[in-house]
Amino acid sequence: MSPTSADEPPKEQSQQQRQSVRERTFLPARIKFGDGVLSTQCTVTQLSAVGARLNISASVSMPDRFDIEIPQRGVSNRARLVWRKDDQAGIEFDAPGGAAPEAGDLQARIRELEATNAKLRAQISELLVQVKRLTED
């Protein structure tokens, strides 16, 4: 079924028939298309390992394929529009559950987090010194 001809969500299936368990959410997300030149905010209202239901303004035109990022879940996937009705859209991820990050990407992320951690520890130490100074009589 093509996204342009599907103007209503598919009939609800029982939990046993679904490919993956759906989780109700209220997560901010961003879809990007046009080689990342165009992007818009949306809200993920249901999320599973294979897809999501989005709340996105009906005035926003969506292509058949696009990238989606859900920062709070660490999701960054290519997706396909399955259906659209008013301000709701159903999407399917090209790589269900998200593609595994490269080992180099993980090492870079670990270094980034360690640097952030060191900065936060330094800030805490500085704040403790200031508190000690303020509380001394």
C-alpha atoms as a PDB file:
ATOM      1  CA  MET A   1       0.000   0.000   0.000  1.00  0.00           C
ATOM      2  CA  SER A   2       1.555   3.331  -0.968  1.00  0.00           C
ATOM      3  CA  PRO A   3       1.606   6.221   1.506  1.00  0.00           C
ATOM      4  CA  THR A   4      -0.259   8.507  -0.877  1.00  0.00           C
ATOM      5  CA  SER A   5      -3.203   6.145  -1.275  1.00  0.00           C
ATOM      6  CA  ALA A   6      -3.373   5.189   2.394  1.00  0.00           C
ATOM      7  CA  ASP A   7      -5.193   8.016   4.082  1.00  0.00           C
ATOM      8  CA  GLU A   8      -6.205   6.036   7.147  1.00  0.00           C
ATOM      9  CA  PRO A   9      -4.286   3.961   9.643  1.00  0.00           C
ATOM     10  CA  PRO A  10      -4.587   0.225   9.159  1.00  0.00           C
ATOM     11  CA  LYS A  11      -7.285  -1.498  11.213  1.00  0.00           C
ATOM     12  CA  GLU A  12      -6.091  -2.193  14.730  1.00  0.00           C
ATOM     13  CA  GLN A  13      -4.565  -5.629  15.165  1.00  0.00           C
ATOM     14  CA  SER A  14      -4.456  -7.637  18.350  1.00  0.00           C
ATOM     15  CA  GLN A  15      -1.181  -7.612  20.295  1.00  0.00           C
ATOM     16  CA  GLN A  16      -0.511 -11.217  19.188  1.00  0.00           C
ATOM     17  CA  GLN A  17      -0.647 -10.242  15.487  1.00  0.00           C
ATOM     18  CA  ARG A  18       1.679  -7.240  15.732  1.00  0.00           C
ATOM     19  CA  GLN A  19       5.300  -7.605  14.726  1.00  0.00           C
ATOM     20  CA  SER A  20       6.489  -5.767  17.817  1.00  0.00           C
ATOM     21  CA  VAL A  21       5.060  -4.469  21.073  1.00  0.00           C
ATOM     22  CA  ARG A  22       4.007  -0.811  20.902  1.00  0.00           C
ATOM     23  CA  GLU A  23       4.866   1.620  23.651  1.00  0.00           C
ATOM     24  CA  ARG A  24       2.844   4.774  24.233  1.00  0.00           C
ATOM     25  CA  THR A  25       5.181   7.748  24.315  1.00  0.00           C
ATOM     26  CA  PHE A  26       5.301  11.514  24.086  1.00  0.00           C
ATOM     27  CA  LEU A  27       8.793  11.965  22.671  1.00  0.00           C
ATOM     28  CA  PRO A  28      10.067  14.911  20.648  1.00  0.00           C
ATOM     29  CA  ALA A  29      11.554  13.885  17.323  1.00  0.00           C
ATOM     30  CA  ARG A  30      12.830  15.429  14.123  1.00  0.00           C
ATOM     31  CA  ILE A  31      12.337  14.198  10.595  1.00  0.00           C
ATOM     32  CA  LYS A  32      14.842  15.208   7.923  1.00  0.00           C
ATOM     33  CA  PHE A  33      14.577  14.959   4.171  1.00  0.00           C
ATOM     34  CA  GLY A  34      16.008  16.535   1.053  1.00  0.00           C
ATOM     35  CA  ASP A  35      19.490  15.294   1.992  1.00  0.00           C
ATOM     36  CA  GLY A  36      19.047  16.824   5.449  1.00  0.00           C
ATOM     37  CA  VAL A  37      18.353  20.303   4.057  1.00  0.00           C
ATOM     38  CA  LEU A  38      14.737  20.248   5.232  1.00  0.00           C
ATOM     39  CA  SER A  39      13.622  19.173   8.668  1.00  0.00           C
ATOM     40  CA  THR A  40      10.674  19.534  10.998  1.00  0.00           C
ATOM     41  CA  GLN A  41       9.757  18.683  14.550  1.00  0.00           C
ATOM     42  CA  CYS A  42       7.165  16.051  15.393  1.00  0.00           C
ATOM     43  CA  THR A  43       6.073  13.978  18.382  1.00  0.00           C
ATOM     44  CA  VAL A  44       6.302  10.188  18.636  1.00  0.00           C
ATOM     45  CA  THR A  45       3.086   8.958  20.280  1.00  0.00           C
ATOM     46  CA  GLN A  46       3.702   5.222  19.816  1.00  0.00           C
ATOM     47  CA  LEU A  47       7.027   3.478  19.370  1.00  0.00           C
ATOM     48  CA  SER A  48       8.057  -0.085  18.617  1.00  0.00           C
ATOM     49  CA  ALA A  49      11.195  -1.775  17.338  1.00  0.00           C
ATOM     50  CA  VAL A  50       9.856  -1.687  13.770  1.00  0.00           C
ATOM     51  CA  GLY A  51       8.129   1.679  13.542  1.00  0.00           C
ATOM     52  CA  ALA A  52       6.279   4.545  15.138  1.00  0.00           C
ATOM     53  CA  ARG A  53       3.171   6.682  15.107  1.00  0.00           C
ATOM     54  CA  LEU A  54       3.912  10.375  14.732  1.00  0.00           C
ATOM     55  CA  ASN A  55       1.931  13.470  15.507  1.00  0.00           C
ATOM     56  CA  ILE A  56       2.946  15.977  12.825  1.00  0.00           C
ATOM     57  CA  SER A  57       1.128  19.011  11.528  1.00  0.00           C
ATOM     58  CA  ALA A  58      -1.165  18.203   8.614  1.00  0.00           C
ATOM     59  CA  SER A  59       0.298  21.231   6.820  1.00  0.00           C
ATOM     60  CA  VAL A  60       3.729  19.541   6.679  1.00  0.00           C
ATOM     61  CA  SER A  61       4.272  17.535   3.524  1.00  0.00           C
ATOM     62  CA  MET A  62       6.108  14.268   4.144  1.00  0.00           C
ATOM     63  CA  PRO A  63       8.089  12.355   1.526  1.00  0.00           C
ATOM     64  CA  ASP A  64       7.849   8.569   1.149  1.00  0.00           C
ATOM     65  CA  ARG A  65      11.303   8.118   2.730  1.00  0.00           C
ATOM     66  CA  PHE A  66      13.127  10.274   5.267  1.00  0.00           C
ATOM     67  CA  ASP A  67      15.441  10.183   8.287  1.00  0.00           C
ATOM     68  CA  ILE A  68      14.064  10.351  11.820  1.00  0.00           C
ATOM     69  CA  GLU A  69      15.859  11.151  15.053  1.00  0.00           C
ATOM     70  CA  ILE A  70      14.408  10.489  18.497  1.00  0.00           C
ATOM     71  CA  PRO A  71      17.158  11.846  20.778  1.00  0.00           C
ATOM     72  CA  GLN A  72      15.717  10.612  24.093  1.00  0.00           C
ATOM     73  CA  ARG A  73      15.885   7.035  22.805  1.00  0.00           C
ATOM     74  CA  GLY A  74      19.078   7.366  20.789  1.00  0.00           C
ATOM     75  CA  VAL A  75      17.192   6.471  17.616  1.00  0.00           C
ATOM     76  CA  SER A  76      18.471   7.711  14.279  1.00  0.00           C
ATOM     77  CA  ASN A  77      16.972   5.725  11.412  1.00  0.00           C
ATOM     78  CA  ARG A  78      15.877   5.873   7.830  1.00  0.00           C
ATOM     79  CA  ALA A  79      12.095   5.443   7.709  1.00  0.00           C
ATOM     80  CA  ARG A  80       9.256   4.890   5.262  1.00  0.00           C
ATOM     81  CA  LEU A  81       5.855   6.555   5.429  1.00  0.00           C
ATOM     82  CA  VAL A  82       3.203   3.819   5.660  1.00  0.00           C
ATOM     83  CA  TRP A  83       0.034   5.859   6.205  1.00  0.00           C
ATOM     84  CA  ARG A  84      -1.064   9.432   6.893  1.00  0.00           C
ATOM     85  CA  LYS A  85      -4.338  10.908   8.157  1.00  0.00           C
ATOM     86  CA  ASP A  86      -4.674  14.518   9.306  1.00  0.00           C
ATOM     87  CA  ASP A  87      -1.955  15.147  11.900  1.00  0.00           C
ATOM     88  CA  GLN A  88      -1.084  11.455  12.394  1.00  0.00           C
ATOM     89  CA  ALA A  89       1.388   9.350  10.427  1.00  0.00           C
ATOM     90  CA  GLY A  90       2.545   5.758  10.665  1.00  0.00           C
ATOM     91  CA  ILE A  91       6.143   4.987   9.776  1.00  0.00           C
ATOM     92  CA  GLU A  92       8.262   1.880   9.451  1.00  0.00           C
ATOM     93  CA  PHE A  93      11.990   1.891  10.186  1.00  0.00           C
ATOM     94  CA  ASP A  94      14.280   0.617   7.427  1.00  0.00           C
ATOM     95  CA  ALA A  95      16.559  -0.937  10.063  1.00  0.00           C
ATOM     96  CA  PRO A  96      14.190  -2.168  12.812  1.00  0.00           C
ATOM     97  CA  GLY A  97      15.432  -1.398  16.293  1.00  0.00           C
ATOM     98  CA  GLY A  98      18.104   0.912  14.930  1.00  0.00           C
ATOM     99  CA  ALA A  99      21.310  -0.084  13.244  1.00  0.00           C
ATOM    100  CA  ALA A 100      24.116  -1.046  15.580  1.00  0.00           C
ATOM    101  CA  PRO A 101      26.615   1.792  15.922  1.00  0.00           C
ATOM    102  CA  GLU A 102      30.124   1.304  14.602  1.00  0.00           C
ATOM    103  CA  ALA A 103      32.811   0.523  17.192  1.00  0.00           C
ATOM    104  CA  GLY A 104      34.617   3.773  16.283  1.00  0.00           C
ATOM    105  CA  ASP A 105      31.398   5.721  16.855  1.00  0.00           C
ATOM    106  CA  LEU A 106      31.047   4.153  20.283  1.00  0.00           C
ATOM    107  CA  GLN A 107      34.636   4.996  21.216  1.00  0.00           C
ATOM    108  CA  ALA A 108      34.146   8.611  20.094  1.00  0.00           C
ATOM    109  CA  ARG A 109      30.922   8.835  22.100  1.00  0.00           C
ATOM    110  CA  ILE A 110      32.653   7.389  25.182  1.00  0.00           C
ATOM    111  CA  ARG A 111      35.458   9.980  24.874  1.00  0.00           C
ATOM    112  CA  GLU A 112      32.878  12.750  24.491  1.00  0.00           C
ATOM    113  CA  LEU A 113      30.965  11.577  27.573  1.00  0.00           C
ATOM    114  CA  GLU A 114      34.164  11.231  29.608  1.00  0.00           C
ATOM    115  CA  ALA A 115      35.139  14.827  28.718  1.00  0.00           C
ATOM    116  CA  THR A 116      31.669  16.046  29.712  1.00  0.00           C
ATOM    117  CA  ASN A 117      31.932  14.072  32.954  1.00  0.00           C
ATOM    118  CA  ALA A 118      35.315  15.670  33.744  1.00  0.00           C
ATOM    119  CA  LYS A 119      33.894  19.166  33.134  1.00  0.00           C
ATOM    120  CA  LEU A 120      30.933  18.445  35.404  1.00  0.00           C
ATOM    121  CA  ARG A 121      33.221  17.154  38.173  1.00  0.00           C
ATOM    122  CA  ALA A 122      35.313  20.328  37.913  1.00  0.00           C
ATOM    123  CA  GLN A 123      32.150  22.452  38.174  1.00  0.00           C
ATOM    124  CA  ILE A 124      31.005  20.488  41.228  1.00  0.00           C
ATOM    125  CA  SER A 125      34.395  20.979  42.893  1.00  0.00           C
ATOM    126  CA  GLU A 126      34.261  24.708  42.187  1.00  0.00           C
ATOM    127  CA  LEU A 127      30.726  24.950  43.584  1.00  0.00           C
ATOM    128  CA  LEU A 128      31.736  23.050  46.731  1.00  0.00           C
ATOM    129  CA  VAL A 129      34.596  25.502  47.302  1.00  0.00           C
ATOM    130  CA  GLN A 130      32.178  28.429  46.893  1.00  0.00           C
ATOM    131  CA  VAL A 131      29.652  26.861  49.290  1.00  0.00           C
ATOM    132  CA  LYS A 132      32.409  26.251  51.861  1.00  0.00           C
ATOM    133  CA  ARG A 133      33.542  29.889  51.566  1.00  0.00           C
ATOM    134  CA  LEU A 134      29.970  31.163  51.975  1.00  0.00           C
ATOM    135  CA  THR A 135      29.210  28.979  54.992  1.00  0.00           C
ATOM    136  CA  GLU A 136      32.389  29.747  56.922  1.00  0.00           C
ATOM    137  CA  ASP A 137      31.975  32.404  59.593  1.00  0.00           C
END
